[in-house]
C-alpha atoms as a PDB file:
ATOM      1  CA  UNK A   1     -30.102  45.159  39.848  1.00  0.00           C
ATOM      2  CA  UNK A   2     -32.082  48.203  41.126  1.00  0.00           C
ATOM      3  CA  UNK A   3     -35.928  48.582  40.356  1.00  0.00           C
ATOM      4  CA  UNK A   4     -37.956  51.326  40.408  1.00  0.00           C
ATOM      5  CA  UNK A   5     -41.618  50.573  41.906  1.00  0.00           C
ATOM      6  CA  UNK A   6     -44.438  51.266  39.452  1.00  0.00           C
ATOM      7  CA  UNK A   7     -47.465  52.900  41.274  1.00  0.00           C
ATOM      8  CA  UNK A   8     -51.392  53.005  39.665  1.00  0.00           C
ATOM      9  CA  UNK A   9     -53.355  56.105  41.106  1.00  0.00           C
ATOM     10  CA  UNK A  10     -56.500  56.030  38.643  1.00  0.00           C
ATOM     11  CA  UNK A  11     -60.337  56.998  38.472  1.00  0.00           C
ATOM     12  CA  UNK A  12     -62.543  54.942  36.537  1.00  0.00           C
ATOM     13  CA  UNK A  13     -66.823  54.486  36.177  1.00  0.00           C
ATOM     14  CA  UNK A  14     -68.295  51.721  37.931  1.00  0.00           C
ATOM     15  CA  UNK A  15     -68.134  49.720  35.164  1.00  0.00           C
ATOM     16  CA  UNK A  16     -64.831  50.008  34.770  1.00  0.00           C
ATOM     17  CA  UNK A  17     -64.390  52.365  32.128  1.00  0.00           C
ATOM     18  CA  UNK A  18     -61.484  55.578  32.463  1.00  0.00           C
ATOM     19  CA  UNK A  19     -62.548  57.618  29.446  1.00  0.00           C
ATOM     20  CA  UNK A  20     -65.456  57.581  26.626  1.00  0.00           C
ATOM     21  CA  UNK A  21     -64.625  56.150  23.034  1.00  0.00           C
ATOM     22  CA  UNK A  22     -63.506  58.996  22.094  1.00  0.00           C
ATOM     23  CA  UNK A  23     -60.676  59.893  25.308  1.00  0.00           C
ATOM     24  CA  UNK A  24     -63.605  62.550  26.531  1.00  0.00           C
ATOM     25  CA  UNK A  25     -63.070  62.500  30.806  1.00  0.00           C
ATOM     26  CA  UNK A  26     -66.335  64.986  30.985  1.00  0.00           C
ATOM     27  CA  UNK A  27     -68.392  62.433  33.150  1.00  0.00           C
ATOM     28  CA  UNK A  28     -65.698  63.570  35.986  1.00  0.00           C
ATOM     29  CA  UNK A  29     -66.205  66.351  35.804  1.00  0.00           C
ATOM     30  CA  UNK A  30     -69.843  66.052  37.120  1.00  0.00           C
ATOM     31  CA  UNK A  31     -69.649  65.911  40.664  1.00  0.00           C
ATOM     32  CA  UNK A  32     -69.284  68.901  43.156  1.00  0.00           C
ATOM     33  CA  UNK A  33     -66.275  70.320  44.969  1.00  0.00           C
ATOM     34  CA  UNK A  34     -65.576  69.241  47.993  1.00  0.00           C
ATOM     35  CA  UNK A  35     -62.647  70.393  48.558  1.00  0.00           C
ATOM     36  CA  UNK A  36     -61.218  66.522  49.279  1.00  0.00           C
ATOM     37  CA  UNK A  37     -58.333  66.254  47.125  1.00  0.00           C
ATOM     38  CA  UNK A  38     -58.867  62.071  47.390  1.00  0.00           C
ATOM     39  CA  UNK A  39     -55.743  61.146  48.953  1.00  0.00           C
ATOM     40  CA  UNK A  40     -53.920  63.197  45.797  1.00  0.00           C
ATOM     41  CA  UNK A  41     -51.546  64.513  47.635  1.00  0.00           C
ATOM     42  CA  UNK A  42     -50.423  62.169  49.965  1.00  0.00           C
ATOM     43  CA  UNK A  43     -49.940  59.856  47.056  1.00  0.00           C
ATOM     44  CA  UNK A  44     -47.997  62.135  45.165  1.00  0.00           C
ATOM     45  CA  UNK A  45     -46.073  61.999  47.759  1.00  0.00           C
ATOM     46  CA  UNK A  46     -44.594  58.798  47.255  1.00  0.00           C
ATOM     47  CA  UNK A  47     -43.584  59.011  43.578  1.00  0.00           C
ATOM     48  CA  UNK A  48     -40.631  60.487  42.149  1.00  0.00           C
ATOM     49  CA  UNK A  49     -42.193  61.310  38.795  1.00  0.00           C
ATOM     50  CA  UNK A  50     -44.479  59.967  36.247  1.00  0.00           C
ATOM     51  CA  UNK A  51     -44.545  57.272  33.659  1.00  0.00           C
ATOM     52  CA  UNK A  52     -47.560  58.460  31.225  1.00  0.00           C
ATOM     53  CA  UNK A  53     -49.166  57.489  27.454  1.00  0.00           C
ATOM     54  CA  UNK A  54     -49.257  59.907  24.805  1.00  0.00           C
ATOM     55  CA  UNK A  55     -52.815  59.675  25.006  1.00  0.00           C
ATOM     56  CA  UNK A  56     -53.178  60.714  28.665  1.00  0.00           C
ATOM     57  CA  UNK A  57     -50.274  63.166  27.152  1.00  0.00           C
ATOM     58  CA  UNK A  58     -52.451  64.827  24.926  1.00  0.00           C
ATOM     59  CA  UNK A  59     -55.159  64.785  27.151  1.00  0.00           C
ATOM     60  CA  UNK A  60     -53.825  66.711  30.526  1.00  0.00           C
ATOM     61  CA  UNK A  61     -51.989  69.123  27.674  1.00  0.00           C
ATOM     62  CA  UNK A  62     -55.941  70.219  26.925  1.00  0.00           C
ATOM     63  CA  UNK A  63     -56.267  71.023  30.833  1.00  0.00           C
ATOM     64  CA  UNK A  64     -54.349  74.149  30.135  1.00  0.00           C
ATOM     65  CA  UNK A  65     -51.976  74.541  32.995  1.00  0.00           C
ATOM     66  CA  UNK A  66     -49.637  71.738  34.130  1.00  0.00           C
ATOM     67  CA  UNK A  67     -50.948  69.846  36.659  1.00  0.00           C
ATOM     68  CA  UNK A  68     -47.352  68.188  37.956  1.00  0.00           C
ATOM     69  CA  UNK A  69     -44.360  69.474  39.936  1.00  0.00           C
ATOM     70  CA  UNK A  70     -42.332  66.269  39.396  1.00  0.00           C
ATOM     71  CA  UNK A  71     -40.675  65.157  36.394  1.00  0.00           C
ATOM     72  CA  UNK A  72     -42.839  63.104  33.580  1.00  0.00           C
ATOM     73  CA  UNK A  73     -41.735  60.685  30.932  1.00  0.00           C
ATOM     74  CA  UNK A  74     -44.579  59.909  27.950  1.00  0.00           C
ATOM     75  CA  UNK A  75     -44.046  56.596  25.973  1.00  0.00           C
ATOM     76  CA  UNK A  76     -44.551  57.241  22.518  1.00  0.00           C
ATOM     77  CA  UNK A  77     -43.349  55.770  19.436  1.00  0.00           C
ATOM     78  CA  UNK A  78     -45.177  58.878  17.565  1.00  0.00           C
ATOM     79  CA  UNK A  79     -44.300  62.181  19.310  1.00  0.00           C
ATOM     80  CA  UNK A  80     -41.079  63.519  19.315  1.00  0.00           C
ATOM     81  CA  UNK A  81     -38.667  66.094  21.813  1.00  0.00           C
ATOM     82  CA  UNK A  82     -40.714  68.868  19.245  1.00  0.00           C
ATOM     83  CA  UNK A  83     -44.248  67.710  20.710  1.00  0.00           C
ATOM     84  CA  UNK A  84     -43.162  69.296  24.418  1.00  0.00           C
ATOM     85  CA  UNK A  85     -44.697  72.995  24.757  1.00  0.00           C
ATOM     86  CA  UNK A  86     -41.525  75.353  25.729  1.00  0.00           C
ATOM     87  CA  UNK A  87     -42.917  76.017  29.245  1.00  0.00           C
ATOM     88  CA  UNK A  88     -42.807  71.831  29.712  1.00  0.00           C
ATOM     89  CA  UNK A  89     -39.349  72.274  28.459  1.00  0.00           C
ATOM     90  CA  UNK A  90     -37.307  70.079  32.022  1.00  0.00           C
ATOM     91  CA  UNK A  91     -40.042  68.584  33.024  1.00  0.00           C
ATOM     92  CA  UNK A  92     -41.253  66.403  30.444  1.00  0.00           C
ATOM     93  CA  UNK A  93     -39.523  64.014  27.897  1.00  0.00           C
ATOM     94  CA  UNK A  94     -40.828  61.734  25.280  1.00  0.00           C
ATOM     95  CA  UNK A  95     -39.109  58.586  25.040  1.00  0.00           C
ATOM     96  CA  UNK A  96     -39.735  55.230  22.847  1.00  0.00           C
ATOM     97  CA  UNK A  97     -38.233  52.511  25.253  1.00  0.00           C
ATOM     98  CA  UNK A  98     -40.351  49.654  26.585  1.00  0.00           C
ATOM     99  CA  UNK A  99     -41.667  49.579  29.985  1.00  0.00           C
ATOM    100  CA  UNK A 100     -39.035  47.451  31.505  1.00  0.00           C
ATOM    101  CA  UNK A 101     -35.905  49.393  29.378  1.00  0.00           C
ATOM    102  CA  UNK A 102     -37.875  52.572  30.793  1.00  0.00           C
ATOM    103  CA  UNK A 103     -37.980  51.991  34.794  1.00  0.00           C
ATOM    104  CA  UNK A 104     -34.512  50.660  34.414  1.00  0.00           C
ATOM    105  CA  UNK A 105     -33.603  54.402  33.099  1.00  0.00           C
ATOM    106  CA  UNK A 106     -35.593  55.882  35.979  1.00  0.00           C
ATOM    107  CA  UNK A 107     -33.703  53.913  38.598  1.00  0.00           C
ATOM    108  CA  UNK A 108     -30.346  54.556  36.942  1.00  0.00           C
ATOM    109  CA  UNK A 109     -31.316  57.762  37.695  1.00  0.00           C
ATOM    110  CA  UNK A 110     -32.257  57.638  41.168  1.00  0.00           C
ATOM    111  CA  UNK A 111     -36.175  57.006  41.158  1.00  0.00           C
ATOM    112  CA  UNK A 112     -37.335  54.611  43.573  1.00  0.00           C
ATOM    113  CA  UNK A 113     -40.921  54.992  42.443  1.00  0.00           C
ATOM    114  CA  UNK A 114     -42.952  56.399  38.959  1.00  0.00           C
ATOM    115  CA  UNK A 115     -46.498  57.201  38.645  1.00  0.00           C
ATOM    116  CA  UNK A 116     -47.750  54.965  35.591  1.00  0.00           C
ATOM    117  CA  UNK A 117     -50.621  55.906  33.798  1.00  0.00           C
ATOM    118  CA  UNK A 118     -53.180  56.048  30.932  1.00  0.00           C
ATOM    119  CA  UNK A 119     -55.079  52.931  30.385  1.00  0.00           C
ATOM    120  CA  UNK A 120     -52.779  51.368  28.025  1.00  0.00           C
ATOM    121  CA  UNK A 121     -49.828  52.108  29.481  1.00  0.00           C
ATOM    122  CA  UNK A 122     -51.149  50.443  32.857  1.00  0.00           C
ATOM    123  CA  UNK A 123     -52.023  47.476  31.031  1.00  0.00           C
ATOM    124  CA  UNK A 124     -48.547  47.150  29.613  1.00  0.00           C
ATOM    125  CA  UNK A 125     -46.919  47.907  32.961  1.00  0.00           C
ATOM    126  CA  UNK A 126     -49.028  45.278  34.388  1.00  0.00           C
ATOM    127  CA  UNK A 127     -48.440  42.179  31.847  1.00  0.00           C
ATOM    128  CA  UNK A 128     -44.826  42.810  32.348  1.00  0.00           C
ATOM    129  CA  UNK A 129     -45.629  42.849  36.335  1.00  0.00           C
ATOM    130  CA  UNK A 130     -44.429  46.673  36.811  1.00  0.00           C
ATOM    131  CA  UNK A 131     -46.718  47.311  39.007  1.00  0.00           C
ATOM    132  CA  UNK A 132     -46.529  47.148  42.622  1.00  0.00           C
ATOM    133  CA  UNK A 133     -49.503  49.583  44.469  1.00  0.00           C
ATOM    134  CA  UNK A 134     -52.567  50.137  42.477  1.00  0.00           C
ATOM    135  CA  UNK A 135     -54.682  53.197  43.792  1.00  0.00           C
ATOM    136  CA  UNK A 136     -58.599  52.913  42.285  1.00  0.00           C
ATOM    137  CA  UNK A 137     -61.014  55.580  42.558  1.00  0.00           C
ATOM    138  CA  UNK A 138     -64.616  54.168  41.298  1.00  0.00           C
ATOM    139  CA  UNK A 139     -67.070  57.349  40.593  1.00  0.00           C
ATOM    140  CA  UNK A 140     -70.711  56.839  41.020  1.00  0.00           C
ATOM    141  CA  UNK A 141     -71.440  56.572  37.050  1.00  0.00           C
ATOM    142  CA  UNK A 142     -72.476  53.895  34.821  1.00  0.00           C
ATOM    143  CA  UNK A 143     -70.698  54.930  30.755  1.00  0.00           C
ATOM    144  CA  UNK A 144     -71.957  51.279  29.497  1.00  0.00           C
ATOM    145  CA  UNK A 145     -68.767  51.721  26.913  1.00  0.00           C
ATOM    146  CA  UNK A 146     -65.571  54.181  26.318  1.00  0.00           C
ATOM    147  CA  UNK A 147     -61.596  53.049  27.271  1.00  0.00           C
ATOM    148  CA  UNK A 148     -61.559  50.395  29.634  1.00  0.00           C
ATOM    149  CA  UNK A 149     -58.871  50.557  32.843  1.00  0.00           C
ATOM    150  CA  UNK A 150     -58.187  46.595  32.038  1.00  0.00           C
ATOM    151  CA  UNK A 151     -58.104  44.854  28.735  1.00  0.00           C
ATOM    152  CA  UNK A 152     -57.688  41.377  28.406  1.00  0.00           C
ATOM    153  CA  UNK A 153     -54.709  39.953  29.918  1.00  0.00           C
ATOM    154  CA  UNK A 154     -53.346  36.368  29.820  1.00  0.00           C
ATOM    155  CA  UNK A 155     -53.156  34.575  33.279  1.00  0.00           C
ATOM    156  CA  UNK A 156     -54.961  35.791  36.827  1.00  0.00           C
ATOM    157  CA  UNK A 157     -53.489  39.238  38.497  1.00  0.00           C
ATOM    158  CA  UNK A 158     -53.333  38.538  42.160  1.00  0.00           C
ATOM    159  CA  UNK A 159     -54.757  41.821  44.138  1.00  0.00           C
ATOM    160  CA  UNK A 160     -54.774  42.818  48.014  1.00  0.00           C
ATOM    161  CA  UNK A 161     -56.519  45.346  49.606  1.00  0.00           C
ATOM    162  CA  UNK A 162     -54.661  47.300  51.564  1.00  0.00           C
ATOM    163  CA  UNK A 163     -57.417  49.990  52.480  1.00  0.00           C
ATOM    164  CA  UNK A 164     -60.829  51.262  50.958  1.00  0.00           C
ATOM    165  CA  UNK A 165     -62.119  54.865  51.740  1.00  0.00           C
ATOM    166  CA  UNK A 166     -65.388  56.189  51.248  1.00  0.00           C
ATOM    167  CA  UNK A 167     -65.518  59.913  50.170  1.00  0.00           C
ATOM    168  CA  UNK A 168     -68.448  62.378  50.772  1.00  0.00           C
ATOM    169  CA  UNK A 169     -67.944  63.099  46.813  1.00  0.00           C
ATOM    170  CA  UNK A 170     -69.498  59.500  46.642  1.00  0.00           C
ATOM    171  CA  UNK A 171     -66.597  58.163  45.259  1.00  0.00           C
ATOM    172  CA  UNK A 172     -65.079  54.923  47.060  1.00  0.00           C
ATOM    173  CA  UNK A 173     -61.971  54.035  46.254  1.00  0.00           C
ATOM    174  CA  UNK A 174     -59.527  51.664  46.937  1.00  0.00           C
ATOM    175  CA  UNK A 175     -55.527  50.606  47.629  1.00  0.00           C
ATOM    176  CA  UNK A 176     -54.121  47.086  46.585  1.00  0.00           C
ATOM    177  CA  UNK A 177     -51.028  45.464  46.550  1.00  0.00           C
ATOM    178  CA  UNK A 178     -50.100  43.782  43.212  1.00  0.00           C
ATOM    179  CA  UNK A 179     -49.038  40.686  44.080  1.00  0.00           C
ATOM    180  CA  UNK A 180     -46.373  38.574  42.603  1.00  0.00           C
END
């Protein structure tokens, strides 16, 4: 059976939050642009496309211009194809499949690696053993509350640090392999 590698590339506050309680990520934009993409282009070159949750999809739609050149699948039980703006036709599709089923479908389509994005989606893919690699960029801010990157989970998930890097922006990025 073909397998798609699940990869995460995400930023979080030093206290582990990816967004405020209301989903706002305004705190990410407070830092000056140093011209460094913090490894994003290098990461995107390793994936065939994205799988994101509906909350992440709605947040990205709020950016104005769609930032991804690769195909995206939005996992949602409530959104429909009519939820996709006309400008994204052929770039984004909606699926109500479970994590393992969508990964199998993507493997059948020839994908080798998928960028998994969205807090709850990352948590569910981790629980299913579908994440192989996580790149986590810590932003030097303490939010105190919000949406956690990692919620409760059953059992330990062991990680192996593959690399760590400090950026002029003050961000610290760690790349982990998920051990099986």
